[in-house]
Amino acid sequence: MAALSFRDRLLTRRGARAILSPVGILGGAAAAIVAVVAGLPIWAAVLVGVGVWGVNLVRMLPRGGRRERIDP
């Protein structure tokens, strides 16, 4: 069986939980707040928050299966 693509792993029940994870959302918001307090412009703080949320999303997604090894 072929390994699952990123899209296939994202469109699962576990992927939905990863997207809506309270830890990811609050972590992204906290990172954005810290970035604003540190003096970054609002647009940069939003990018920092989305980046933290995205890292948490990728961390929580199910792993793709191993690719089949072809025995020559």
PDB file of N, CA and C in Angstrom:
ATOM      1  N   MET A   1       0.844  -1.175   0.000  1.00  0.00           N
ATOM      2  CA  MET A   1       0.000   0.000   0.000  1.00  0.00           C
ATOM      3  C   MET A   1       0.891   1.239   0.000  1.00  0.00           C
ATOM      4  N   ALA A   2       0.501   2.231  -0.744  1.00  0.00           N
ATOM      5  CA  ALA A   2       1.283   3.457  -0.844  1.00  0.00           C
ATOM      6  C   ALA A   2       1.156   4.278   0.434  1.00  0.00           C
ATOM      7  N   ALA A   3       2.174   5.090   0.706  1.00  0.00           N
ATOM      8  CA  ALA A   3       2.159   5.946   1.893  1.00  0.00           C
ATOM      9  C   ALA A   3       1.104   7.039   1.723  1.00  0.00           C
ATOM     10  N   LEU A   4       0.527   7.477   2.830  1.00  0.00           N
ATOM     11  CA  LEU A   4      -0.498   8.517   2.778  1.00  0.00           C
ATOM     12  C   LEU A   4       0.141   9.866   2.490  1.00  0.00           C
ATOM     13  N   SER A   5      -0.522  10.662   1.679  1.00  0.00           N
ATOM     14  CA  SER A   5      -0.034  12.007   1.394  1.00  0.00           C
ATOM     15  C   SER A   5      -0.410  12.932   2.552  1.00  0.00           C
ATOM     16  N   PHE A   6       0.140  14.139   2.532  1.00  0.00           N
ATOM     17  CA  PHE A   6      -0.169  15.110   3.582  1.00  0.00           C
ATOM     18  C   PHE A   6      -1.667  15.390   3.611  1.00  0.00           C
ATOM     19  N   ARG A   7      -2.278  15.526   2.448  1.00  0.00           N
ATOM     20  CA  ARG A   7      -3.717  15.795   2.361  1.00  0.00           C
ATOM     21  C   ARG A   7      -4.530  14.661   2.966  1.00  0.00           C
ATOM     22  N   ASP A   8      -4.129  13.424   2.668  1.00  0.00           N
ATOM     23  CA  ASP A   8      -4.846  12.273   3.215  1.00  0.00           C
ATOM     24  C   ASP A   8      -4.723  12.209   4.725  1.00  0.00           C
ATOM     25  N   ARG A   9      -3.559  12.580   5.264  1.00  0.00           N
ATOM     26  CA  ARG A   9      -3.381  12.572   6.711  1.00  0.00           C
ATOM     27  C   ARG A   9      -4.140  13.721   7.358  1.00  0.00           C
ATOM     28  N   LEU A  10      -4.267  14.851   6.653  1.00  0.00           N
ATOM     29  CA  LEU A  10      -4.961  16.014   7.202  1.00  0.00           C
ATOM     30  C   LEU A  10      -6.472  15.793   7.254  1.00  0.00           C
ATOM     31  N   LEU A  11      -7.017  15.102   6.277  1.00  0.00           N
ATOM     32  CA  LEU A  11      -8.468  14.907   6.188  1.00  0.00           C
ATOM     33  C   LEU A  11      -8.911  13.641   6.909  1.00  0.00           C
ATOM     34  N   THR A  12      -8.504  13.518   8.150  1.00  0.00           N
ATOM     35  CA  THR A  12      -8.920  12.419   9.004  1.00  0.00           C
ATOM     36  C   THR A  12      -9.482  13.010  10.291  1.00  0.00           C
ATOM     37  N   ARG A  13     -10.058  12.162  11.121  1.00  0.00           N
ATOM     38  CA  ARG A  13     -10.583  12.633  12.411  1.00  0.00           C
ATOM     39  C   ARG A  13      -9.442  13.178  13.265  1.00  0.00           C
ATOM     40  N   ARG A  14      -8.310  12.503  13.246  1.00  0.00           N
ATOM     41  CA  ARG A  14      -7.158  12.969  14.022  1.00  0.00           C
ATOM     42  C   ARG A  14      -6.621  14.282  13.461  1.00  0.00           C
ATOM     43  N   GLY A  15      -6.684  14.465  12.142  1.00  0.00           N
ATOM     44  CA  GLY A  15      -6.269  15.726  11.534  1.00  0.00           C
ATOM     45  C   GLY A  15      -7.182  16.871  11.949  1.00  0.00           C
ATOM     46  N   ALA A  16      -8.475  16.598  12.046  1.00  0.00           N
ATOM     47  CA  ALA A  16      -9.416  17.633  12.486  1.00  0.00           C
ATOM     48  C   ALA A  16      -9.140  18.030  13.931  1.00  0.00           C
ATOM     49  N   ARG A  17      -8.827  17.029  14.767  1.00  0.00           N
ATOM     50  CA  ARG A  17      -8.477  17.344  16.155  1.00  0.00           C
ATOM     51  C   ARG A  17      -7.205  18.171  16.227  1.00  0.00           C
ATOM     52  N   ALA A  18      -6.263  17.915  15.339  1.00  0.00           N
ATOM     53  CA  ALA A  18      -5.014  18.667  15.329  1.00  0.00           C
ATOM     54  C   ALA A  18      -5.256  20.120  14.913  1.00  0.00           C
ATOM     55  N   ILE A  19      -6.138  20.330  13.955  1.00  0.00           N
ATOM     56  CA  ILE A  19      -6.429  21.686  13.493  1.00  0.00           C
ATOM     57  C   ILE A  19      -7.095  22.500  14.592  1.00  0.00           C
ATOM     58  N   LEU A  20      -8.032  21.890  15.306  1.00  0.00           N
ATOM     59  CA  LEU A  20      -8.807  22.602  16.320  1.00  0.00           C
ATOM     60  C   LEU A  20      -8.282  22.403  17.736  1.00  0.00           C
ATOM     61  N   SER A  21      -7.055  21.973  17.858  1.00  0.00           N
ATOM     62  CA  SER A  21      -6.458  21.709  19.158  1.00  0.00           C
ATOM     63  C   SER A  21      -6.389  22.990  19.995  1.00  0.00           C
ATOM     64  N   PRO A  22      -6.945  22.969  21.198  1.00  0.00           N
ATOM     65  CA  PRO A  22      -6.866  24.157  22.057  1.00  0.00           C
ATOM     66  C   PRO A  22      -5.431  24.543  22.384  1.00  0.00           C
ATOM     67  N   VAL A  23      -4.559  23.558  22.531  1.00  0.00           N
ATOM     68  CA  VAL A  23      -3.154  23.853  22.818  1.00  0.00           C
ATOM     69  C   VAL A  23      -2.527  24.609  21.654  1.00  0.00           C
ATOM     70  N   GLY A  24      -2.822  24.193  20.429  1.00  0.00           N
ATOM     71  CA  GLY A  24      -2.268  24.867  19.263  1.00  0.00           C
ATOM     72  C   GLY A  24      -2.807  26.280  19.095  1.00  0.00           C
ATOM     73  N   ILE A  25      -4.102  26.431  19.298  1.00  0.00           N
ATOM     74  CA  ILE A  25      -4.724  27.752  19.138  1.00  0.00           C
ATOM     75  C   ILE A  25      -4.227  28.709  20.217  1.00  0.00           C
ATOM     76  N   LEU A  26      -4.226  28.248  21.479  1.00  0.00           N
ATOM     77  CA  LEU A  26      -3.759  29.117  22.558  1.00  0.00           C
ATOM     78  C   LEU A  26      -2.260  29.375  22.457  1.00  0.00           C
ATOM     79  N   GLY A  27      -1.504  28.383  22.012  1.00  0.00           N
ATOM     80  CA  GLY A  27      -0.066  28.583  21.822  1.00  0.00           C
ATOM     81  C   GLY A  27       0.224  29.617  20.753  1.00  0.00           C
ATOM     82  N   GLY A  28      -0.532  29.563  19.654  1.00  0.00           N
ATOM     83  CA  GLY A  28      -0.363  30.555  18.593  1.00  0.00           C
ATOM     84  C   GLY A  28      -0.749  31.949  19.050  1.00  0.00           C
ATOM     85  N   ALA A  29      -1.847  32.036  19.811  1.00  0.00           N
ATOM     86  CA  ALA A  29      -2.274  33.347  20.325  1.00  0.00           C
ATOM     87  C   ALA A  29      -1.251  33.899  21.313  1.00  0.00           C
ATOM     88  N   ALA A  30      -0.739  33.033  22.174  1.00  0.00           N
ATOM     89  CA  ALA A  30       0.264  33.485  23.151  1.00  0.00           C
ATOM     90  C   ALA A  30       1.538  33.940  22.449  1.00  0.00           C
ATOM     91  N   ALA A  31       1.957  33.221  21.412  1.00  0.00           N
ATOM     92  CA  ALA A  31       3.151  33.617  20.668  1.00  0.00           C
ATOM     93  C   ALA A  31       2.941  34.962  19.978  1.00  0.00           C
ATOM     94  N   ALA A  32       1.739  35.183  19.441  1.00  0.00           N
ATOM     95  CA  ALA A  32       1.444  36.461  18.791  1.00  0.00           C
ATOM     96  C   ALA A  32       1.447  37.603  19.805  1.00  0.00           C
ATOM     97  N   ILE A  33       0.901  37.367  20.982  1.00  0.00           N
ATOM     98  CA  ILE A  33       0.887  38.399  22.024  1.00  0.00           C
ATOM     99  C   ILE A  33       2.306  38.737  22.456  1.00  0.00           C
ATOM    100  N   VAL A  34       3.118  37.712  22.650  1.00  0.00           N
ATOM    101  CA  VAL A  34       4.515  37.943  23.038  1.00  0.00           C
ATOM    102  C   VAL A  34       5.250  38.711  21.948  1.00  0.00           C
ATOM    103  N   ALA A  35       4.971  38.387  20.687  1.00  0.00           N
ATOM    104  CA  ALA A  35       5.629  39.080  19.579  1.00  0.00           C
ATOM    105  C   ALA A  35       5.232  40.556  19.541  1.00  0.00           C
ATOM    106  N   VAL A  36       3.965  40.864  19.822  1.00  0.00           N
ATOM    107  CA  VAL A  36       3.520  42.269  19.842  1.00  0.00           C
ATOM    108  C   VAL A  36       4.177  43.007  20.996  1.00  0.00           C
ATOM    109  N   VAL A  37       4.225  42.371  22.166  1.00  0.00           N
ATOM    110  CA  VAL A  37       4.855  43.001  23.331  1.00  0.00           C
ATOM    111  C   VAL A  37       6.346  43.214  23.074  1.00  0.00           C
ATOM    112  N   ALA A  38       6.965  42.309  22.311  1.00  0.00           N
ATOM    113  CA  ALA A  38       8.388  42.432  21.992  1.00  0.00           C
ATOM    114  C   ALA A  38       8.655  43.538  20.975  1.00  0.00           C
ATOM    115  N   GLY A  39       7.615  44.062  20.348  1.00  0.00           N
ATOM    116  CA  GLY A  39       7.790  45.192  19.448  1.00  0.00           C
ATOM    117  C   GLY A  39       7.635  44.872  17.976  1.00  0.00           C
ATOM    118  N   LEU A  40       7.233  43.664  17.632  1.00  0.00           N
ATOM    119  CA  LEU A  40       7.011  43.341  16.222  1.00  0.00           C
ATOM    120  C   LEU A  40       5.711  43.984  15.742  1.00  0.00           C
ATOM    121  N   PRO A  41       5.635  44.316  14.452  1.00  0.00           N
ATOM    122  CA  PRO A  41       4.368  44.824  13.924  1.00  0.00           C
ATOM    123  C   PRO A  41       3.285  43.738  13.977  1.00  0.00           C
ATOM    124  N   ILE A  42       2.040  44.164  13.901  1.00  0.00           N
ATOM    125  CA  ILE A  42       0.903  43.245  14.018  1.00  0.00           C
ATOM    126  C   ILE A  42       0.972  42.142  12.964  1.00  0.00           C
ATOM    127  N   TRP A  43       1.283  42.487  11.725  1.00  0.00           N
ATOM    128  CA  TRP A  43       1.304  41.469  10.670  1.00  0.00           C
ATOM    129  C   TRP A  43       2.386  40.422  10.939  1.00  0.00           C
ATOM    130  N   ALA A  44       3.507  40.828  11.501  1.00  0.00           N
ATOM    131  CA  ALA A  44       4.562  39.869  11.822  1.00  0.00           C
ATOM    132  C   ALA A  44       4.146  38.990  13.002  1.00  0.00           C
ATOM    133  N   ALA A  45       3.450  39.582  13.965  1.00  0.00           N
ATOM    134  CA  ALA A  45       2.978  38.817  15.108  1.00  0.00           C
ATOM    135  C   ALA A  45       1.958  37.769  14.665  1.00  0.00           C
ATOM    136  N   VAL A  46       1.115  38.122  13.700  1.00  0.00           N
ATOM    137  CA  VAL A  46       0.143  37.152  13.169  1.00  0.00           C
ATOM    138  C   VAL A  46       0.884  36.000  12.496  1.00  0.00           C
ATOM    139  N   LEU A  47       1.932  36.305  11.752  1.00  0.00           N
ATOM    140  CA  LEU A  47       2.715  35.250  11.105  1.00  0.00           C
ATOM    141  C   LEU A  47       3.388  34.340  12.137  1.00  0.00           C
ATOM    142  N   VAL A  48       3.883  34.922  13.218  1.00  0.00           N
ATOM    143  CA  VAL A  48       4.490  34.125  14.286  1.00  0.00           C
ATOM    144  C   VAL A  48       3.440  33.206  14.903  1.00  0.00           C
ATOM    145  N   GLY A  49       2.260  33.737  15.188  1.00  0.00           N
ATOM    146  CA  GLY A  49       1.192  32.929  15.765  1.00  0.00           C
ATOM    147  C   GLY A  49       0.754  31.800  14.853  1.00  0.00           C
ATOM    148  N   VAL A  50       0.612  32.088  13.578  1.00  0.00           N
ATOM    149  CA  VAL A  50       0.229  31.049  12.617  1.00  0.00           C
ATOM    150  C   VAL A  50       1.337  30.011  12.499  1.00  0.00           C
ATOM    151  N   GLY A  51       2.584  30.449  12.572  1.00  0.00           N
ATOM    152  CA  GLY A  51       3.698  29.508  12.522  1.00  0.00           C
ATOM    153  C   GLY A  51       3.701  28.545  13.698  1.00  0.00           C
ATOM    154  N   VAL A  52       3.456  29.065  14.894  1.00  0.00           N
ATOM    155  CA  VAL A  52       3.398  28.204  16.086  1.00  0.00           C
ATOM    156  C   VAL A  52       2.227  27.239  15.976  1.00  0.00           C
ATOM    157  N   TRP A  53       1.096  27.721  15.527  1.00  0.00           N
ATOM    158  CA  TRP A  53      -0.070  26.854  15.345  1.00  0.00           C
ATOM    159  C   TRP A  53       0.233  25.773  14.302  1.00  0.00           C
ATOM    160  N   GLY A  54       0.904  26.148  13.206  1.00  0.00           N
ATOM    161  CA  GLY A  54       1.237  25.192  12.149  1.00  0.00           C
ATOM    162  C   GLY A  54       2.208  24.113  12.612  1.00  0.00           C
ATOM    163  N   VAL A  55       3.179  24.511  13.431  1.00  0.00           N
ATOM    164  CA  VAL A  55       4.115  23.522  13.966  1.00  0.00           C
ATOM    165  C   VAL A  55       3.370  22.521  14.843  1.00  0.00           C
ATOM    166  N   ASN A  56       2.452  23.001  15.651  1.00  0.00           N
ATOM    167  CA  ASN A  56       1.655  22.095  16.485  1.00  0.00           C
ATOM    168  C   ASN A  56       0.783  21.197  15.610  1.00  0.00           C
ATOM    169  N   LEU A  57       0.244  21.727  14.542  1.00  0.00           N
ATOM    170  CA  LEU A  57      -0.585  20.936  13.630  1.00  0.00           C
ATOM    171  C   LEU A  57       0.211  19.788  13.038  1.00  0.00           C
ATOM    172  N   VAL A  58       1.384  20.083  12.526  1.00  0.00           N
ATOM    173  CA  VAL A  58       2.213  19.041  11.913  1.00  0.00           C
ATOM    174  C   VAL A  58       2.644  18.019  12.963  1.00  0.00           C
ATOM    175  N   ARG A  59       2.905  18.483  14.177  1.00  0.00           N
ATOM    176  CA  ARG A  59       3.314  17.585  15.256  1.00  0.00           C
ATOM    177  C   ARG A  59       2.210  16.595  15.608  1.00  0.00           C
ATOM    178  N   MET A  60       0.957  17.026  15.540  1.00  0.00           N
ATOM    179  CA  MET A  60      -0.154  16.175  15.963  1.00  0.00           C
ATOM    180  C   MET A  60      -0.749  15.309  14.854  1.00  0.00           C
ATOM    181  N   LEU A  61      -0.383  15.549  13.600  1.00  0.00           N
ATOM    182  CA  LEU A  61      -0.940  14.755  12.503  1.00  0.00           C
ATOM    183  C   LEU A  61      -0.456  13.317  12.590  1.00  0.00           C
ATOM    184  N   PRO A  62      -1.280  12.389  12.107  1.00  0.00           N
ATOM    185  CA  PRO A  62      -0.817  11.003  12.076  1.00  0.00           C
ATOM    186  C   PRO A  62       0.356  10.858  11.112  1.00  0.00           C
ATOM    187  N   ARG A  63       1.241   9.955  11.441  1.00  0.00           N
ATOM    188  CA  ARG A  63       2.412   9.716  10.599  1.00  0.00           C
ATOM    189  C   ARG A  63       1.994   9.004   9.322  1.00  0.00           C
ATOM    190  N   GLY A  64       2.704   9.304   8.254  1.00  0.00           N
ATOM    191  CA  GLY A  64       2.479   8.578   7.001  1.00  0.00           C
ATOM    192  C   GLY A  64       3.112   7.198   7.116  1.00  0.00           C
ATOM    193  N   GLY A  65       2.539   6.241   6.454  1.00  0.00           N
ATOM    194  CA  GLY A  65       3.094   4.894   6.511  1.00  0.00           C
ATOM    195  C   GLY A  65       4.435   4.816   5.796  1.00  0.00           C
ATOM    196  N   ARG A  66       5.157   3.778   6.087  1.00  0.00           N
ATOM    197  CA  ARG A  66       6.433   3.600   5.397  1.00  0.00           C
ATOM    198  C   ARG A  66       6.166   3.196   3.946  1.00  0.00           C
ATOM    199  N   ARG A  67       7.025   3.652   3.111  1.00  0.00           N
ATOM    200  CA  ARG A  67       6.892   3.295   1.698  1.00  0.00           C
ATOM    201  C   ARG A  67       7.319   1.842   1.511  1.00  0.00           C
ATOM    202  N   GLU A  68       6.729   1.213   0.521  1.00  0.00           N
ATOM    203  CA  GLU A  68       7.078  -0.163   0.249  1.00  0.00           C
ATOM    204  C   GLU A  68       8.498  -0.231  -0.296  1.00  0.00           C
ATOM    205  N   ARG A  69       9.220  -1.195   0.193  1.00  0.00           N
ATOM    206  CA  ARG A  69      10.559  -1.436  -0.337  1.00  0.00           C
ATOM    207  C   ARG A  69      10.429  -2.447  -1.458  1.00  0.00           C
ATOM    208  N   ILE A  70      11.049  -2.144  -2.549  1.00  0.00           N
ATOM    209  CA  ILE A  70      11.008  -3.058  -3.677  1.00  0.00           C
ATOM    210  C   ILE A  70      12.258  -3.923  -3.632  1.00  0.00           C
ATOM    211  N   ASP A  71      12.047  -5.217  -3.571  1.00  0.00           N
ATOM    212  CA  ASP A  71      13.165  -6.152  -3.533  1.00  0.00           C
ATOM    213  C   ASP A  71      13.551  -6.485  -4.964  1.00  0.00           C
ATOM    214  N   PRO A  72      14.735  -6.030  -5.392  1.00  0.00           N
ATOM    215  CA  PRO A  72      15.132  -6.304  -6.777  1.00  0.00           C
ATOM    216  C   PRO A  72      15.425  -7.772  -6.930  1.00  0.00           C
TER     217      PRO A  72
END
